[in-house]
Amino acid sequence: MKRKWLLYIIIILLCSNLITIYFLWNSRPVVESQKDTNNFVLYELEGKGDNWQVNDYKVLKTTTKIKRSLARLVYLGESNQLDQSTYFTFQVIEENKVVYSNEYTSEGGSISILLNIDDLGSIESELTKFDMDISRENIENTEIKLIWEDNNGKINEETIKLSIIDEVSDVYLKPNK
């Protein structure tokens, strides 16, 4: 009878030790060198000028690529000021460097600016030397420059400084392993 109890106690101790070792192994702290290694960082920005508002502009940087995309523009004036426009261009500027741009022109009709500003498109590329050095401080200096022709044929220009409204990094999502 004593042998049977002794066997139960040994099995229980062995199981509890295995469980303790498992939890200790999976809850070890992040090594200092791992804390700063992001597999990705995502910034969401927006800004407002006198004539335009920029919403949902995103910059996603991974260890190998960068994607800039999905900005939405809102015209703050009357829609009848632009409905016959034949020219519209925008540039995304980071640290005084144009990183993304597009231009829309038309002859003999409008380019329908207001119908095509819900998504300014996106650009994705391998990381360049410039992109590798991108940090929160660089992204905070992002501007969007807009140039458009109104219905009177007048060329207008506005530069909007963007602000970071959200930042997500896998440093915050990684389990402590």
N, C-alpha and C. Protein backbone atom coordinates (compact mmCIF):
# COMPACT_ATOMS: atom_id res chain seq x y z
N MET A 1 0.82 -1.19 0.00
CA MET A 1 0.00 0.00 0.00
C MET A 1 0.87 1.26 0.00
N LYS A 2 1.98 1.23 0.79
CA LYS A 2 2.89 2.37 0.83
C LYS A 2 3.55 2.59 -0.51
N ARG A 3 3.87 1.49 -1.19
CA ARG A 3 4.49 1.60 -2.51
C ARG A 3 3.54 2.26 -3.51
N LYS A 4 2.26 1.94 -3.43
CA LYS A 4 1.28 2.50 -4.33
C LYS A 4 1.17 4.02 -4.12
N TRP A 5 1.13 4.47 -2.84
CA TRP A 5 1.08 5.90 -2.53
C TRP A 5 2.37 6.60 -2.95
N LEU A 6 3.45 5.96 -2.75
CA LEU A 6 4.74 6.53 -3.15
C LEU A 6 4.79 6.72 -4.67
N LEU A 7 4.29 5.75 -5.41
CA LEU A 7 4.24 5.84 -6.87
C LEU A 7 3.35 7.02 -7.30
N TYR A 8 2.17 7.20 -6.68
CA TYR A 8 1.29 8.32 -6.97
C TYR A 8 1.96 9.67 -6.69
N ILE A 9 2.65 9.76 -5.59
CA ILE A 9 3.33 11.00 -5.22
C ILE A 9 4.43 11.32 -6.23
N ILE A 10 5.18 10.33 -6.65
CA ILE A 10 6.25 10.54 -7.63
C ILE A 10 5.65 11.01 -8.96
N ILE A 11 4.58 10.41 -9.38
CA ILE A 11 3.93 10.80 -10.65
C ILE A 11 3.42 12.24 -10.55
N ILE A 12 2.79 12.58 -9.42
CA ILE A 12 2.27 13.94 -9.24
C ILE A 12 3.41 14.95 -9.23
N LEU A 13 4.50 14.66 -8.54
CA LEU A 13 5.65 15.57 -8.52
C LEU A 13 6.27 15.72 -9.91
N LEU A 14 6.38 14.62 -10.60
CA LEU A 14 6.95 14.66 -11.95
C LEU A 14 6.07 15.53 -12.87
N CYS A 15 4.76 15.34 -12.82
CA CYS A 15 3.84 16.15 -13.65
C CYS A 15 3.92 17.63 -13.27
N SER A 16 3.92 17.93 -12.00
CA SER A 16 3.98 19.33 -11.58
C SER A 16 5.31 19.97 -11.99
N ASN A 17 6.39 19.21 -11.93
CA ASN A 17 7.69 19.73 -12.37
C ASN A 17 7.68 20.00 -13.89
N LEU A 18 7.10 19.10 -14.64
CA LEU A 18 7.03 19.29 -16.09
C LEU A 18 6.18 20.52 -16.43
N ILE A 19 5.08 20.70 -15.74
CA ILE A 19 4.23 21.87 -15.97
C ILE A 19 4.97 23.14 -15.60
N THR A 20 5.67 23.14 -14.48
CA THR A 20 6.45 24.31 -14.05
C THR A 20 7.53 24.64 -15.06
N ILE A 21 8.25 23.65 -15.53
CA ILE A 21 9.30 23.86 -16.53
C ILE A 21 8.71 24.43 -17.82
N TYR A 22 7.56 23.92 -18.25
CA TYR A 22 6.90 24.42 -19.45
C TYR A 22 6.57 25.91 -19.32
N PHE A 23 5.96 26.29 -18.20
CA PHE A 23 5.59 27.70 -18.00
C PHE A 23 6.82 28.59 -17.88
N LEU A 24 7.85 28.12 -17.22
CA LEU A 24 9.07 28.92 -17.12
C LEU A 24 9.71 29.11 -18.49
N TRP A 25 9.73 28.08 -19.28
CA TRP A 25 10.33 28.14 -20.60
C TRP A 25 9.59 29.12 -21.51
N ASN A 26 8.26 29.13 -21.46
CA ASN A 26 7.46 29.99 -22.33
C ASN A 26 7.26 31.40 -21.80
N SER A 27 7.70 31.68 -20.60
CA SER A 27 7.52 33.03 -20.06
C SER A 27 8.84 33.73 -19.82
N ARG A 28 9.88 33.25 -20.47
CA ARG A 28 11.18 33.92 -20.30
C ARG A 28 11.12 35.31 -20.92
N PRO A 29 11.84 36.27 -20.39
CA PRO A 29 11.75 37.66 -20.86
C PRO A 29 12.36 37.82 -22.25
N VAL A 30 11.94 38.92 -22.91
CA VAL A 30 12.47 39.25 -24.23
C VAL A 30 13.94 39.65 -24.07
N VAL A 31 14.77 39.09 -24.92
CA VAL A 31 16.17 39.45 -24.91
C VAL A 31 16.29 40.89 -25.37
N GLU A 32 17.17 41.66 -24.77
CA GLU A 32 17.30 43.10 -25.05
C GLU A 32 17.45 43.37 -26.55
N SER A 33 18.19 42.54 -27.27
CA SER A 33 18.40 42.77 -28.69
C SER A 33 17.14 42.51 -29.51
N GLN A 34 16.18 41.74 -28.97
CA GLN A 34 14.95 41.45 -29.69
C GLN A 34 13.94 42.58 -29.55
N LYS A 35 14.07 43.41 -28.55
CA LYS A 35 13.07 44.45 -28.29
C LYS A 35 12.96 45.44 -29.43
N ASP A 36 14.04 45.73 -30.12
CA ASP A 36 14.04 46.75 -31.15
C ASP A 36 13.92 46.20 -32.56
N THR A 37 13.72 44.90 -32.71
CA THR A 37 13.64 44.34 -34.05
C THR A 37 12.18 44.18 -34.43
N ASN A 38 11.69 45.09 -35.24
CA ASN A 38 10.32 45.05 -35.72
C ASN A 38 10.27 44.27 -37.01
N ASN A 39 9.31 43.37 -37.12
CA ASN A 39 9.06 42.76 -38.40
C ASN A 39 8.20 43.68 -39.24
N PHE A 40 7.43 44.55 -38.58
CA PHE A 40 6.67 45.56 -39.30
C PHE A 40 6.34 46.72 -38.37
N VAL A 41 6.06 47.84 -39.01
CA VAL A 41 5.52 49.00 -38.30
C VAL A 41 4.54 49.66 -39.27
N LEU A 42 3.37 50.02 -38.76
CA LEU A 42 2.32 50.63 -39.57
C LEU A 42 1.95 51.97 -38.95
N TYR A 43 2.02 53.01 -39.78
CA TYR A 43 1.63 54.35 -39.35
C TYR A 43 0.37 54.75 -40.11
N GLU A 44 -0.57 55.36 -39.41
CA GLU A 44 -1.74 55.95 -40.06
C GLU A 44 -1.70 57.44 -39.79
N LEU A 45 -1.87 58.23 -40.85
CA LEU A 45 -1.75 59.68 -40.75
C LEU A 45 -2.98 60.37 -41.32
N GLU A 46 -3.15 61.63 -40.89
CA GLU A 46 -4.17 62.47 -41.49
C GLU A 46 -3.78 63.93 -41.29
N GLY A 47 -4.43 64.80 -42.03
CA GLY A 47 -4.16 66.23 -41.92
C GLY A 47 -5.25 67.03 -42.59
N LYS A 48 -5.26 68.33 -42.30
CA LYS A 48 -6.30 69.20 -42.86
C LYS A 48 -5.68 70.52 -43.28
N GLY A 49 -6.05 70.97 -44.47
CA GLY A 49 -5.61 72.26 -44.97
C GLY A 49 -6.80 73.19 -45.13
N ASP A 50 -6.63 74.24 -45.90
CA ASP A 50 -7.72 75.19 -46.14
C ASP A 50 -8.77 74.64 -47.10
N ASN A 51 -8.33 73.84 -48.09
CA ASN A 51 -9.23 73.34 -49.12
C ASN A 51 -9.45 71.84 -49.08
N TRP A 52 -8.52 71.11 -48.49
CA TRP A 52 -8.56 69.65 -48.52
C TRP A 52 -8.30 69.07 -47.14
N GLN A 53 -8.85 67.87 -46.94
CA GLN A 53 -8.55 67.07 -45.76
C GLN A 53 -8.06 65.72 -46.23
N VAL A 54 -6.99 65.21 -45.62
CA VAL A 54 -6.41 63.91 -45.96
C VAL A 54 -6.73 62.95 -44.82
N ASN A 55 -7.35 61.82 -45.16
CA ASN A 55 -7.70 60.80 -44.17
C ASN A 55 -7.06 59.47 -44.55
N ASP A 56 -6.75 58.67 -43.56
CA ASP A 56 -6.38 57.26 -43.73
C ASP A 56 -5.12 57.02 -44.57
N TYR A 57 -4.18 57.94 -44.57
CA TYR A 57 -2.93 57.67 -45.28
C TYR A 57 -2.11 56.71 -44.43
N LYS A 58 -1.61 55.64 -45.04
CA LYS A 58 -0.89 54.62 -44.29
C LYS A 58 0.50 54.37 -44.88
N VAL A 59 1.44 54.11 -43.99
CA VAL A 59 2.78 53.69 -44.37
C VAL A 59 3.06 52.40 -43.62
N LEU A 60 3.29 51.32 -44.37
CA LEU A 60 3.59 50.02 -43.78
C LEU A 60 5.01 49.65 -44.16
N LYS A 61 5.85 49.48 -43.16
CA LYS A 61 7.25 49.12 -43.41
C LYS A 61 7.50 47.75 -42.78
N THR A 62 8.00 46.81 -43.59
CA THR A 62 8.40 45.51 -43.09
C THR A 62 9.92 45.43 -43.16
N THR A 63 10.46 44.28 -42.89
CA THR A 63 11.91 44.13 -42.93
C THR A 63 12.45 44.18 -44.36
N THR A 64 11.57 43.97 -45.36
CA THR A 64 12.04 43.95 -46.74
C THR A 64 11.32 44.92 -47.67
N LYS A 65 10.14 45.41 -47.29
CA LYS A 65 9.34 46.24 -48.20
C LYS A 65 8.74 47.43 -47.47
N ILE A 66 8.29 48.38 -48.28
CA ILE A 66 7.54 49.52 -47.74
C ILE A 66 6.36 49.75 -48.67
N LYS A 67 5.22 50.05 -48.06
CA LYS A 67 4.00 50.32 -48.83
C LYS A 67 3.40 51.62 -48.32
N ARG A 68 3.11 52.51 -49.24
CA ARG A 68 2.47 53.78 -48.92
C ARG A 68 1.13 53.77 -49.65
N SER A 69 0.03 54.06 -48.92
CA SER A 69 -1.23 53.85 -49.61
C SER A 69 -2.47 54.39 -48.92
N LEU A 70 -3.54 54.26 -49.68
CA LEU A 70 -4.93 54.33 -49.24
C LEU A 70 -5.41 55.66 -48.71
N ALA A 71 -4.75 56.74 -49.04
CA ALA A 71 -5.24 58.03 -48.58
C ALA A 71 -6.58 58.35 -49.25
N ARG A 72 -7.40 59.02 -48.48
CA ARG A 72 -8.66 59.54 -48.99
C ARG A 72 -8.63 61.05 -48.85
N LEU A 73 -9.08 61.72 -49.88
CA LEU A 73 -9.14 63.18 -49.84
C LEU A 73 -10.59 63.63 -49.72
N VAL A 74 -10.78 64.69 -48.98
CA VAL A 74 -12.10 65.32 -48.88
C VAL A 74 -11.92 66.78 -49.26
N TYR A 75 -12.66 67.22 -50.28
CA TYR A 75 -12.61 68.62 -50.68
C TYR A 75 -13.51 69.41 -49.74
N LEU A 76 -12.99 70.46 -49.15
CA LEU A 76 -13.73 71.21 -48.14
C LEU A 76 -14.56 72.35 -48.74
N GLY A 77 -14.39 72.60 -50.03
CA GLY A 77 -15.15 73.65 -50.70
C GLY A 77 -16.42 73.09 -51.32
N GLU A 78 -17.03 73.89 -52.17
CA GLU A 78 -18.25 73.47 -52.87
C GLU A 78 -17.86 72.58 -54.06
N SER A 79 -18.60 71.52 -54.26
CA SER A 79 -18.28 70.58 -55.34
C SER A 79 -18.36 71.22 -56.72
N ASN A 80 -19.20 72.25 -56.87
CA ASN A 80 -19.32 72.88 -58.18
C ASN A 80 -18.10 73.73 -58.54
N GLN A 81 -17.12 73.84 -57.65
CA GLN A 81 -15.88 74.55 -57.95
C GLN A 81 -14.89 73.66 -58.70
N LEU A 82 -15.12 72.34 -58.66
CA LEU A 82 -14.18 71.39 -59.26
C LEU A 82 -14.78 70.43 -60.27
N ASP A 83 -16.07 70.44 -60.45
CA ASP A 83 -16.69 69.38 -61.26
C ASP A 83 -16.30 69.42 -62.74
N GLN A 84 -15.70 70.50 -63.20
CA GLN A 84 -15.25 70.58 -64.59
C GLN A 84 -13.72 70.65 -64.71
N SER A 85 -13.02 70.35 -63.65
CA SER A 85 -11.56 70.44 -63.65
C SER A 85 -10.94 69.45 -64.63
N THR A 86 -9.84 69.88 -65.27
CA THR A 86 -9.14 69.00 -66.20
C THR A 86 -7.72 68.66 -65.73
N TYR A 87 -7.38 69.07 -64.49
CA TYR A 87 -6.02 68.81 -64.00
C TYR A 87 -6.03 68.64 -62.48
N PHE A 88 -5.35 67.59 -62.04
CA PHE A 88 -5.20 67.34 -60.61
C PHE A 88 -3.93 66.51 -60.41
N THR A 89 -3.11 66.88 -59.45
CA THR A 89 -1.93 66.09 -59.13
C THR A 89 -1.69 66.14 -57.62
N PHE A 90 -1.06 65.09 -57.13
CA PHE A 90 -0.67 65.08 -55.71
C PHE A 90 0.71 64.46 -55.58
N GLN A 91 1.40 64.88 -54.54
CA GLN A 91 2.72 64.33 -54.21
C GLN A 91 2.75 64.05 -52.72
N VAL A 92 3.28 62.90 -52.35
CA VAL A 92 3.53 62.58 -50.95
C VAL A 92 5.00 62.84 -50.71
N ILE A 93 5.29 63.67 -49.72
CA ILE A 93 6.67 64.12 -49.47
C ILE A 93 7.07 63.72 -48.06
N GLU A 94 8.16 62.97 -47.96
CA GLU A 94 8.74 62.60 -46.67
C GLU A 94 10.16 63.15 -46.62
N GLU A 95 10.47 63.89 -45.58
CA GLU A 95 11.81 64.45 -45.43
C GLU A 95 12.28 65.17 -46.70
N ASN A 96 11.40 65.99 -47.27
CA ASN A 96 11.69 66.78 -48.47
C ASN A 96 11.96 65.94 -49.71
N LYS A 97 11.54 64.68 -49.71
CA LYS A 97 11.70 63.81 -50.87
C LYS A 97 10.33 63.30 -51.31
N VAL A 98 10.03 63.44 -52.60
CA VAL A 98 8.77 62.91 -53.12
C VAL A 98 8.88 61.39 -53.18
N VAL A 99 7.98 60.71 -52.44
CA VAL A 99 8.04 59.26 -52.38
C VAL A 99 6.89 58.61 -53.16
N TYR A 100 5.89 59.40 -53.52
CA TYR A 100 4.75 58.88 -54.28
C TYR A 100 4.02 60.05 -54.90
N SER A 101 3.64 59.92 -56.17
CA SER A 101 2.90 61.00 -56.82
C SER A 101 2.03 60.42 -57.92
N ASN A 102 1.05 61.20 -58.31
CA ASN A 102 0.20 60.83 -59.43
C ASN A 102 -0.39 62.10 -60.02
N GLU A 103 -0.68 62.04 -61.31
CA GLU A 103 -1.20 63.21 -62.02
C GLU A 103 -2.35 62.76 -62.91
N TYR A 104 -3.41 63.57 -62.93
CA TYR A 104 -4.58 63.29 -63.74
C TYR A 104 -4.83 64.49 -64.63
N THR A 105 -4.95 64.26 -65.94
CA THR A 105 -5.25 65.33 -66.89
C THR A 105 -6.31 64.85 -67.87
N SER A 106 -6.95 65.81 -68.48
CA SER A 106 -7.99 65.48 -69.44
C SER A 106 -8.10 66.60 -70.47
N GLU A 107 -8.42 66.24 -71.69
CA GLU A 107 -8.72 67.22 -72.73
C GLU A 107 -10.14 66.96 -73.22
N GLY A 108 -10.93 68.01 -73.28
CA GLY A 108 -12.28 67.87 -73.80
C GLY A 108 -13.30 67.40 -72.78
N GLY A 109 -12.94 67.31 -71.52
CA GLY A 109 -13.90 66.90 -70.49
C GLY A 109 -13.24 66.93 -69.13
N SER A 110 -14.05 66.73 -68.12
CA SER A 110 -13.50 66.80 -66.76
C SER A 110 -12.83 65.48 -66.38
N ILE A 111 -12.01 65.55 -65.36
CA ILE A 111 -11.36 64.33 -64.85
C ILE A 111 -12.10 63.79 -63.62
N SER A 112 -13.19 64.41 -63.25
CA SER A 112 -14.03 63.96 -62.14
C SER A 112 -13.22 63.77 -60.86
N ILE A 113 -12.54 64.82 -60.44
CA ILE A 113 -11.71 64.75 -59.23
C ILE A 113 -12.50 64.19 -58.06
N LEU A 114 -13.67 64.73 -57.83
CA LEU A 114 -14.42 64.37 -56.63
C LEU A 114 -14.91 62.92 -56.64
N LEU A 115 -14.97 62.31 -57.81
CA LEU A 115 -15.38 60.91 -57.89
C LEU A 115 -14.20 59.96 -57.70
N ASN A 116 -12.99 60.48 -57.76
CA ASN A 116 -11.81 59.62 -57.73
C ASN A 116 -10.85 59.91 -56.60
N ILE A 117 -11.34 60.45 -55.49
CA ILE A 117 -10.43 60.79 -54.39
C ILE A 117 -10.64 59.93 -53.14
N ASP A 118 -11.46 58.88 -53.26
CA ASP A 118 -11.65 58.00 -52.11
C ASP A 118 -10.46 57.08 -51.87
N ASP A 119 -9.67 56.86 -52.90
CA ASP A 119 -8.48 56.02 -52.77
C ASP A 119 -7.45 56.52 -53.77
N LEU A 120 -6.38 57.11 -53.26
CA LEU A 120 -5.35 57.64 -54.15
C LEU A 120 -4.40 56.58 -54.65
N GLY A 121 -4.71 55.32 -54.40
CA GLY A 121 -3.86 54.24 -54.86
C GLY A 121 -2.76 53.95 -53.87
N SER A 122 -1.82 53.14 -54.29
CA SER A 122 -0.72 52.77 -53.41
C SER A 122 0.51 52.45 -54.23
N ILE A 123 1.62 52.42 -53.52
CA ILE A 123 2.88 52.04 -54.14
C ILE A 123 3.63 51.17 -53.14
N GLU A 124 4.19 50.08 -53.64
CA GLU A 124 4.94 49.16 -52.79
C GLU A 124 6.27 48.89 -53.47
N SER A 125 7.34 48.85 -52.67
CA SER A 125 8.65 48.60 -53.25
C SER A 125 9.56 47.95 -52.22
N GLU A 126 10.67 47.43 -52.73
CA GLU A 126 11.71 46.94 -51.84
C GLU A 126 12.27 48.13 -51.07
N LEU A 127 12.80 47.88 -49.90
CA LEU A 127 13.37 48.97 -49.11
C LEU A 127 14.61 49.54 -49.79
N THR A 128 14.64 50.86 -49.90
CA THR A 128 15.82 51.55 -50.39
C THR A 128 16.61 52.05 -49.18
N LYS A 129 17.75 52.63 -49.41
CA LYS A 129 18.54 53.21 -48.31
C LYS A 129 17.71 54.25 -47.57
N PHE A 130 16.99 55.08 -48.32
CA PHE A 130 16.12 56.10 -47.73
C PHE A 130 15.05 55.45 -46.84
N ASP A 131 14.41 54.38 -47.36
CA ASP A 131 13.34 53.72 -46.62
C ASP A 131 13.84 53.01 -45.37
N MET A 132 15.06 52.47 -45.41
CA MET A 132 15.60 51.76 -44.25
C MET A 132 15.76 52.69 -43.05
N ASP A 133 16.01 53.95 -43.34
CA ASP A 133 16.23 54.92 -42.27
C ASP A 133 14.94 55.56 -41.75
N ILE A 134 13.80 55.15 -42.31
CA ILE A 134 12.54 55.76 -41.88
C ILE A 134 12.24 55.39 -40.43
N SER A 135 11.87 56.42 -39.69
CA SER A 135 11.50 56.24 -38.30
C SER A 135 10.24 57.07 -38.04
N ARG A 136 9.75 56.99 -36.84
CA ARG A 136 8.58 57.79 -36.47
C ARG A 136 8.84 59.28 -36.73
N GLU A 137 10.03 59.74 -36.41
CA GLU A 137 10.37 61.15 -36.60
C GLU A 137 10.30 61.54 -38.07
N ASN A 138 10.74 60.65 -38.98
CA ASN A 138 10.66 60.95 -40.41
C ASN A 138 9.21 61.00 -40.87
N ILE A 139 8.43 60.04 -40.43
CA ILE A 139 7.03 59.95 -40.85
C ILE A 139 6.25 61.17 -40.34
N GLU A 140 6.61 61.69 -39.18
CA GLU A 140 5.92 62.86 -38.64
C GLU A 140 6.11 64.10 -39.52
N ASN A 141 7.07 64.07 -40.42
CA ASN A 141 7.33 65.19 -41.33
C ASN A 141 6.72 64.98 -42.72
N THR A 142 5.74 64.08 -42.83
CA THR A 142 5.11 63.80 -44.11
C THR A 142 4.14 64.92 -44.49
N GLU A 143 4.18 65.29 -45.77
CA GLU A 143 3.27 66.29 -46.31
C GLU A 143 2.67 65.76 -47.60
N ILE A 144 1.49 66.24 -47.91
CA ILE A 144 0.88 65.96 -49.20
C ILE A 144 0.68 67.29 -49.91
N LYS A 145 1.23 67.38 -51.10
CA LYS A 145 1.12 68.59 -51.91
C LYS A 145 0.08 68.31 -53.01
N LEU A 146 -0.93 69.17 -53.08
CA LEU A 146 -2.00 69.03 -54.06
C LEU A 146 -1.98 70.23 -55.00
N ILE A 147 -2.11 69.96 -56.28
CA ILE A 147 -2.23 71.02 -57.29
C ILE A 147 -3.43 70.66 -58.15
N TRP A 148 -4.34 71.60 -58.33
CA TRP A 148 -5.53 71.32 -59.11
C TRP A 148 -5.98 72.58 -59.86
N GLU A 149 -6.73 72.31 -60.90
CA GLU A 149 -7.32 73.39 -61.67
C GLU A 149 -8.79 73.47 -61.29
N ASP A 150 -9.27 74.68 -60.96
CA ASP A 150 -10.69 74.82 -60.64
C ASP A 150 -11.49 75.05 -61.93
N ASN A 151 -12.78 75.23 -61.80
CA ASN A 151 -13.65 75.40 -62.97
C ASN A 151 -13.37 76.68 -63.75
N ASN A 152 -12.71 77.64 -63.11
CA ASN A 152 -12.38 78.90 -63.79
C ASN A 152 -11.04 78.83 -64.51
N GLY A 153 -10.40 77.66 -64.49
CA GLY A 153 -9.10 77.52 -65.14
C GLY A 153 -7.93 77.97 -64.28
N LYS A 154 -8.18 78.33 -63.03
CA LYS A 154 -7.13 78.80 -62.14
C LYS A 154 -6.44 77.59 -61.49
N ILE A 155 -5.09 77.61 -61.51
CA ILE A 155 -4.31 76.55 -60.88
C ILE A 155 -4.15 76.90 -59.39
N ASN A 156 -4.51 75.96 -58.53
CA ASN A 156 -4.43 76.14 -57.08
C ASN A 156 -3.43 75.13 -56.51
N GLU A 157 -2.84 75.48 -55.40
CA GLU A 157 -1.85 74.60 -54.77
C GLU A 157 -2.03 74.65 -53.25
N GLU A 158 -1.89 73.50 -52.63
CA GLU A 158 -1.97 73.43 -51.17
C GLU A 158 -1.07 72.29 -50.68
N THR A 159 -0.33 72.56 -49.61
CA THR A 159 0.50 71.55 -48.97
C THR A 159 -0.06 71.30 -47.58
N ILE A 160 -0.32 70.04 -47.28
CA ILE A 160 -0.94 69.66 -46.01
C ILE A 160 0.05 68.83 -45.20
N LYS A 161 0.34 69.28 -44.00
CA LYS A 161 1.20 68.53 -43.08
C LYS A 161 0.36 67.45 -42.43
N LEU A 162 0.86 66.22 -42.46
CA LEU A 162 0.14 65.10 -41.86
C LEU A 162 0.65 64.83 -40.45
N SER A 163 -0.22 64.29 -39.64
CA SER A 163 0.12 63.90 -38.27
C SER A 163 -0.20 62.42 -38.08
N ILE A 164 0.62 61.76 -37.29
CA ILE A 164 0.38 60.35 -36.99
C ILE A 164 -0.79 60.26 -36.01
N ILE A 165 -1.80 59.47 -36.40
CA ILE A 165 -2.93 59.27 -35.49
C ILE A 165 -2.93 57.87 -34.90
N ASP A 166 -2.15 56.95 -35.51
CA ASP A 166 -2.08 55.59 -34.98
C ASP A 166 -0.77 54.95 -35.44
N GLU A 167 -0.23 54.11 -34.60
CA GLU A 167 1.01 53.39 -34.90
C GLU A 167 0.89 51.99 -34.33
N VAL A 168 1.17 51.00 -35.16
CA VAL A 168 1.12 49.61 -34.73
C VAL A 168 2.44 48.97 -35.11
N SER A 169 3.03 48.25 -34.16
CA SER A 169 4.30 47.57 -34.41
C SER A 169 4.22 46.19 -33.81
N ASP A 170 4.88 45.23 -34.47
CA ASP A 170 4.83 43.87 -33.94
C ASP A 170 5.58 43.71 -32.63
N VAL A 171 6.34 44.70 -32.21
CA VAL A 171 6.98 44.64 -30.90
C VAL A 171 5.90 44.50 -29.83
N TYR A 172 4.77 45.16 -30.05
CA TYR A 172 3.69 45.11 -29.07
C TYR A 172 2.86 43.84 -29.21
N LEU A 173 2.96 43.16 -30.36
CA LEU A 173 2.15 41.99 -30.60
C LEU A 173 2.89 40.70 -30.31
N LYS A 174 4.21 40.73 -30.21
CA LYS A 174 4.99 39.52 -30.00
C LYS A 174 4.78 38.99 -28.58
N PRO A 175 4.60 37.66 -28.47
CA PRO A 175 4.59 37.11 -27.12
C PRO A 175 6.01 37.19 -26.54
N ASN A 176 6.11 37.22 -25.26
CA ASN A 176 7.42 37.29 -24.61
C ASN A 176 8.10 35.94 -24.65
N LYS A 177 8.74 35.65 -25.76
CA LYS A 177 9.45 34.38 -25.91
C LYS A 177 10.90 34.66 -26.17
